[in-house]
N, C-alpha and C. Protein backbone atom coordinates (compact mmCIF):
# COMPACT_ATOMS: atom_id res chain seq x y z
N MET A 1 -40.44 -8.05 -28.08
CA MET A 1 -41.53 -8.95 -28.32
C MET A 1 -41.82 -9.76 -27.07
N SER A 2 -40.79 -10.07 -26.33
CA SER A 2 -40.99 -10.85 -25.11
C SER A 2 -41.94 -10.13 -24.15
N SER A 3 -41.75 -8.85 -23.97
CA SER A 3 -42.63 -8.07 -23.09
C SER A 3 -44.04 -7.99 -23.65
N PHE A 4 -44.16 -7.80 -24.95
CA PHE A 4 -45.48 -7.69 -25.56
C PHE A 4 -46.26 -8.98 -25.36
N PHE A 5 -45.67 -10.11 -25.72
CA PHE A 5 -46.38 -11.38 -25.62
C PHE A 5 -46.46 -11.91 -24.19
N GLY A 6 -45.53 -11.51 -23.33
CA GLY A 6 -45.51 -12.04 -21.98
C GLY A 6 -46.17 -11.17 -20.93
N ASP A 7 -46.15 -9.85 -21.12
CA ASP A 7 -46.65 -8.95 -20.09
C ASP A 7 -47.99 -8.29 -20.42
N VAL A 8 -48.31 -8.17 -21.69
CA VAL A 8 -49.55 -7.52 -22.11
C VAL A 8 -50.65 -8.58 -22.19
N GLU A 9 -51.80 -8.26 -21.63
CA GLU A 9 -52.93 -9.19 -21.66
C GLU A 9 -53.28 -9.56 -23.11
N PRO A 10 -53.59 -10.83 -23.36
CA PRO A 10 -53.91 -11.27 -24.73
C PRO A 10 -55.01 -10.44 -25.39
N GLU A 11 -56.01 -10.02 -24.64
CA GLU A 11 -57.08 -9.21 -25.22
C GLU A 11 -56.54 -7.89 -25.76
N LEU A 12 -55.59 -7.30 -25.05
CA LEU A 12 -54.98 -6.05 -25.50
C LEU A 12 -54.06 -6.29 -26.70
N GLN A 13 -53.39 -7.43 -26.73
CA GLN A 13 -52.56 -7.78 -27.88
C GLN A 13 -53.42 -7.86 -29.14
N ILE A 14 -54.57 -8.52 -29.00
CA ILE A 14 -55.48 -8.68 -30.13
C ILE A 14 -56.02 -7.32 -30.58
N ALA A 15 -56.41 -6.49 -29.64
CA ALA A 15 -56.92 -5.15 -29.98
C ALA A 15 -55.85 -4.33 -30.69
N PHE A 16 -54.61 -4.40 -30.20
CA PHE A 16 -53.50 -3.69 -30.83
C PHE A 16 -53.31 -4.17 -32.26
N ALA A 17 -53.30 -5.48 -32.45
CA ALA A 17 -53.10 -6.05 -33.77
C ALA A 17 -54.21 -5.62 -34.72
N GLU A 18 -55.45 -5.69 -34.25
CA GLU A 18 -56.58 -5.28 -35.09
C GLU A 18 -56.47 -3.82 -35.50
N ALA A 19 -56.01 -2.97 -34.59
CA ALA A 19 -55.86 -1.54 -34.89
C ALA A 19 -54.84 -1.29 -35.99
N TYR A 20 -53.91 -2.21 -36.16
CA TYR A 20 -52.86 -2.06 -37.16
C TYR A 20 -53.01 -3.02 -38.33
N GLY A 21 -54.20 -3.60 -38.48
CA GLY A 21 -54.48 -4.44 -39.64
C GLY A 21 -53.81 -5.80 -39.61
N ILE A 22 -53.47 -6.28 -38.43
CA ILE A 22 -52.85 -7.60 -38.28
C ILE A 22 -53.95 -8.56 -37.84
N SER A 23 -54.12 -9.64 -38.58
CA SER A 23 -55.16 -10.60 -38.24
C SER A 23 -54.78 -11.38 -36.98
N GLN A 24 -55.79 -11.97 -36.36
CA GLN A 24 -55.51 -12.78 -35.18
C GLN A 24 -54.66 -13.99 -35.55
N ASP A 25 -54.87 -14.56 -36.72
CA ASP A 25 -54.04 -15.69 -37.17
C ASP A 25 -52.58 -15.28 -37.30
N GLN A 26 -52.34 -14.09 -37.85
CA GLN A 26 -50.96 -13.60 -37.98
C GLN A 26 -50.34 -13.35 -36.60
N LEU A 27 -51.13 -12.80 -35.69
CA LEU A 27 -50.64 -12.53 -34.34
C LEU A 27 -50.28 -13.82 -33.63
N VAL A 28 -51.13 -14.82 -33.72
CA VAL A 28 -50.87 -16.12 -33.09
C VAL A 28 -49.63 -16.76 -33.72
N ALA A 29 -49.50 -16.66 -35.03
CA ALA A 29 -48.31 -17.22 -35.70
C ALA A 29 -47.04 -16.54 -35.21
N ALA A 30 -47.09 -15.23 -35.03
CA ALA A 30 -45.93 -14.50 -34.52
C ALA A 30 -45.61 -14.92 -33.09
N ALA A 31 -46.64 -15.08 -32.26
CA ALA A 31 -46.43 -15.50 -30.88
C ALA A 31 -45.81 -16.89 -30.83
N LYS A 32 -46.30 -17.79 -31.67
CA LYS A 32 -45.75 -19.15 -31.71
C LYS A 32 -44.31 -19.15 -32.20
N ALA A 33 -44.03 -18.38 -33.23
CA ALA A 33 -42.67 -18.32 -33.76
C ALA A 33 -41.70 -17.74 -32.73
N PHE A 34 -42.13 -16.68 -32.03
CA PHE A 34 -41.25 -16.09 -31.04
C PHE A 34 -41.08 -17.00 -29.84
N ALA A 35 -42.14 -17.71 -29.46
CA ALA A 35 -42.02 -18.66 -28.35
C ALA A 35 -41.02 -19.76 -28.68
N GLU A 36 -41.07 -20.25 -29.91
CA GLU A 36 -40.12 -21.29 -30.32
C GLU A 36 -38.70 -20.74 -30.34
N PHE A 37 -38.54 -19.53 -30.86
CA PHE A 37 -37.22 -18.90 -30.95
C PHE A 37 -36.63 -18.64 -29.56
N SER A 38 -37.48 -18.14 -28.64
CA SER A 38 -36.99 -17.70 -27.34
C SER A 38 -37.00 -18.79 -26.26
N GLY A 39 -37.76 -19.84 -26.51
CA GLY A 39 -37.89 -20.88 -25.49
C GLY A 39 -38.86 -20.51 -24.38
N GLN A 40 -39.59 -19.43 -24.56
CA GLN A 40 -40.58 -18.98 -23.58
C GLN A 40 -41.96 -19.49 -24.01
N SER A 41 -42.93 -19.38 -23.09
CA SER A 41 -44.30 -19.71 -23.45
C SER A 41 -45.16 -18.46 -23.28
N PHE A 42 -46.10 -18.32 -24.16
CA PHE A 42 -46.99 -17.16 -24.15
C PHE A 42 -48.43 -17.64 -24.34
N PRO A 43 -49.40 -16.96 -23.72
CA PRO A 43 -50.80 -17.39 -23.83
C PRO A 43 -51.28 -17.55 -25.27
N LEU A 44 -50.93 -16.62 -26.15
CA LEU A 44 -51.40 -16.73 -27.54
C LEU A 44 -50.70 -17.84 -28.31
N ALA A 45 -49.58 -18.31 -27.81
CA ALA A 45 -48.82 -19.35 -28.52
C ALA A 45 -49.27 -20.76 -28.13
N ALA A 46 -50.17 -20.85 -27.14
CA ALA A 46 -50.60 -22.16 -26.65
C ALA A 46 -51.48 -22.88 -27.65
């Protein structure tokens, strides 16, 4: 998850999520949860 949220451009993350039926709200929630868990910061978690 660290590579996905940290290395993949946010636009591509959103496109990937949409392709698999994941809403943008769900994606942002996952990014925020993982950022809190890992202590890292990610563009979608801001």
